[in-house]
């Protein structure tokens, strides 16, 4: 099993993915960790059934993104740059969402600092 894992991780295509694959799959930013901790404390394992619905969707998006990157040889930013005005409209729509995410990250970091400070 160890040799299989080594041969998989040594493959040139896998090396190109880098840490972005783990970060994208884990979604382990501060706001995510804060949200998952609160949901786990409130619901326990009762929401685990949603994994059956959400995992295939998440895996499909990751697969489509990876294939687009392999085929075009571009990352997301260069692909949107090439798309021109359509990309500008899509990005303009996302600005408020990104702002909200930043504030949630700051809230999550603040909550962790408060917990550590009271220990």
Protein backbone atom coordinates (compact mmCIF):
# COMPACT_ATOMS: atom_id res chain seq x y z
CA UNK A 1 0.00 0.00 0.00
CA UNK A 2 2.85 2.39 0.82
CA UNK A 3 4.45 1.74 -2.57
CA UNK A 4 1.15 2.46 -4.31
CA UNK A 5 0.85 5.76 -2.44
CA UNK A 6 4.45 6.68 -3.29
CA UNK A 7 3.99 5.89 -6.97
CA UNK A 8 0.81 7.97 -6.99
CA UNK A 9 2.39 10.99 -5.29
CA UNK A 10 5.50 10.82 -7.47
CA UNK A 11 3.48 11.01 -10.70
CA UNK A 12 4.33 14.23 -12.62
CA UNK A 13 0.69 15.27 -12.98
CA UNK A 14 0.06 14.91 -9.25
CA UNK A 15 3.14 16.98 -8.45
CA UNK A 16 1.76 19.79 -10.64
CA UNK A 17 -1.40 19.98 -8.54
CA UNK A 18 0.55 21.04 -5.45
CA UNK A 19 -1.03 22.10 -2.17
CA UNK A 20 -3.99 23.71 -3.93
CA UNK A 21 -5.63 20.32 -4.29
CA UNK A 22 -5.61 19.69 -0.55
CA UNK A 23 -6.68 23.22 0.30
CA UNK A 24 -9.48 23.17 -2.26
CA UNK A 25 -10.79 19.84 -1.07
CA UNK A 26 -10.45 20.59 2.62
CA UNK A 27 -11.79 24.15 2.56
CA UNK A 28 -9.92 24.73 5.80
CA UNK A 29 -9.91 28.51 6.01
CA UNK A 30 -10.69 30.11 9.40
CA UNK A 31 -14.33 30.80 8.58
CA UNK A 32 -14.82 27.20 7.46
CA UNK A 33 -13.26 25.79 10.61
CA UNK A 34 -15.40 28.08 12.78
CA UNK A 35 -18.55 27.09 10.88
CA UNK A 36 -17.76 23.37 10.99
CA UNK A 37 -16.97 23.52 14.71
CA UNK A 38 -20.24 25.26 15.50
CA UNK A 39 -22.25 22.92 13.31
CA UNK A 40 -20.55 19.89 14.85
CA UNK A 41 -21.25 21.15 18.36
CA UNK A 42 -24.88 21.84 17.56
CA UNK A 43 -25.83 18.88 15.36
CA UNK A 44 -23.25 16.17 16.09
CA UNK A 45 -23.49 13.34 13.55
CA UNK A 46 -27.11 14.00 12.63
CA UNK A 47 -26.14 15.93 9.46
CA UNK A 48 -23.68 13.32 8.22
CA UNK A 49 -26.19 12.08 5.64
CA UNK A 50 -25.59 15.26 3.61
CA UNK A 51 -22.17 13.89 2.66
CA UNK A 52 -23.93 11.47 0.31
CA UNK A 53 -25.35 14.44 -1.60
CA UNK A 54 -22.55 16.99 -1.38
CA UNK A 55 -19.46 14.85 -1.96
CA UNK A 56 -20.31 13.81 -5.53
CA UNK A 57 -21.07 17.45 -6.39
CA UNK A 58 -17.81 18.68 -4.87
CA UNK A 59 -15.82 15.94 -6.61
CA UNK A 60 -17.47 16.80 -9.94
CA UNK A 61 -16.57 20.49 -9.65
CA UNK A 62 -12.99 19.63 -8.71
CA UNK A 63 -12.73 17.23 -11.65
CA UNK A 64 -14.11 19.72 -14.16
CA UNK A 65 -11.77 22.42 -12.84
CA UNK A 66 -8.77 20.12 -13.05
CA UNK A 67 -9.62 19.03 -16.59
CA UNK A 68 -10.07 22.62 -17.75
CA UNK A 69 -6.70 23.47 -16.25
CA UNK A 70 -5.01 20.51 -17.92
CA UNK A 71 -6.57 21.16 -21.30
CA UNK A 72 -6.05 24.92 -21.43
CA UNK A 73 -2.78 24.97 -19.51
CA UNK A 74 -4.07 27.99 -17.60
CA UNK A 75 -5.07 28.60 -14.03
CA UNK A 76 -8.34 30.17 -13.03
CA UNK A 77 -7.05 33.76 -13.15
CA UNK A 78 -5.57 33.43 -16.65
CA UNK A 79 -8.69 31.70 -17.88
CA UNK A 80 -10.90 34.51 -16.61
CA UNK A 81 -8.52 37.09 -18.08
CA UNK A 82 -8.89 35.44 -21.48
CA UNK A 83 -12.68 35.45 -21.17
CA UNK A 84 -12.75 39.26 -21.14
CA UNK A 85 -15.98 41.10 -20.35
CA UNK A 86 -17.87 38.00 -19.29
CA UNK A 87 -15.25 37.41 -16.62
CA UNK A 88 -15.46 41.01 -15.41
CA UNK A 89 -19.21 40.63 -14.92
CA UNK A 90 -18.72 37.36 -13.04
CA UNK A 91 -16.01 38.82 -10.83
CA UNK A 92 -17.97 41.99 -10.09
CA UNK A 93 -20.79 39.84 -8.82
CA UNK A 94 -18.39 38.02 -6.47
CA UNK A 95 -16.89 41.10 -4.77
CA UNK A 96 -19.50 41.34 -1.97
CA UNK A 97 -19.21 37.61 -1.34
CA UNK A 98 -15.42 37.84 -0.99
CA UNK A 99 -15.81 40.73 1.43
CA UNK A 100 -18.16 38.66 3.55
CA UNK A 101 -15.70 35.76 3.51
CA UNK A 102 -12.88 38.02 4.70
CA UNK A 103 -15.00 39.26 7.59
CA UNK A 104 -15.90 35.68 8.53
CA UNK A 105 -12.22 34.71 8.46
CA UNK A 106 -11.41 37.59 10.81
CA UNK A 107 -14.29 36.55 13.09
CA UNK A 108 -13.04 32.95 13.13
CA UNK A 109 -9.49 34.01 13.94
CA UNK A 110 -10.78 36.31 16.67
CA UNK A 111 -12.81 33.49 18.24
CA UNK A 112 -9.77 31.20 18.29
CA UNK A 113 -7.59 33.91 19.82
CA UNK A 114 -10.25 34.50 22.49
CA UNK A 115 -10.41 30.77 23.27
CA UNK A 116 -6.63 30.45 23.51
CA UNK A 117 -6.34 33.61 25.61
CA UNK A 118 -8.80 32.26 28.20
CA UNK A 119 -6.96 28.95 28.65
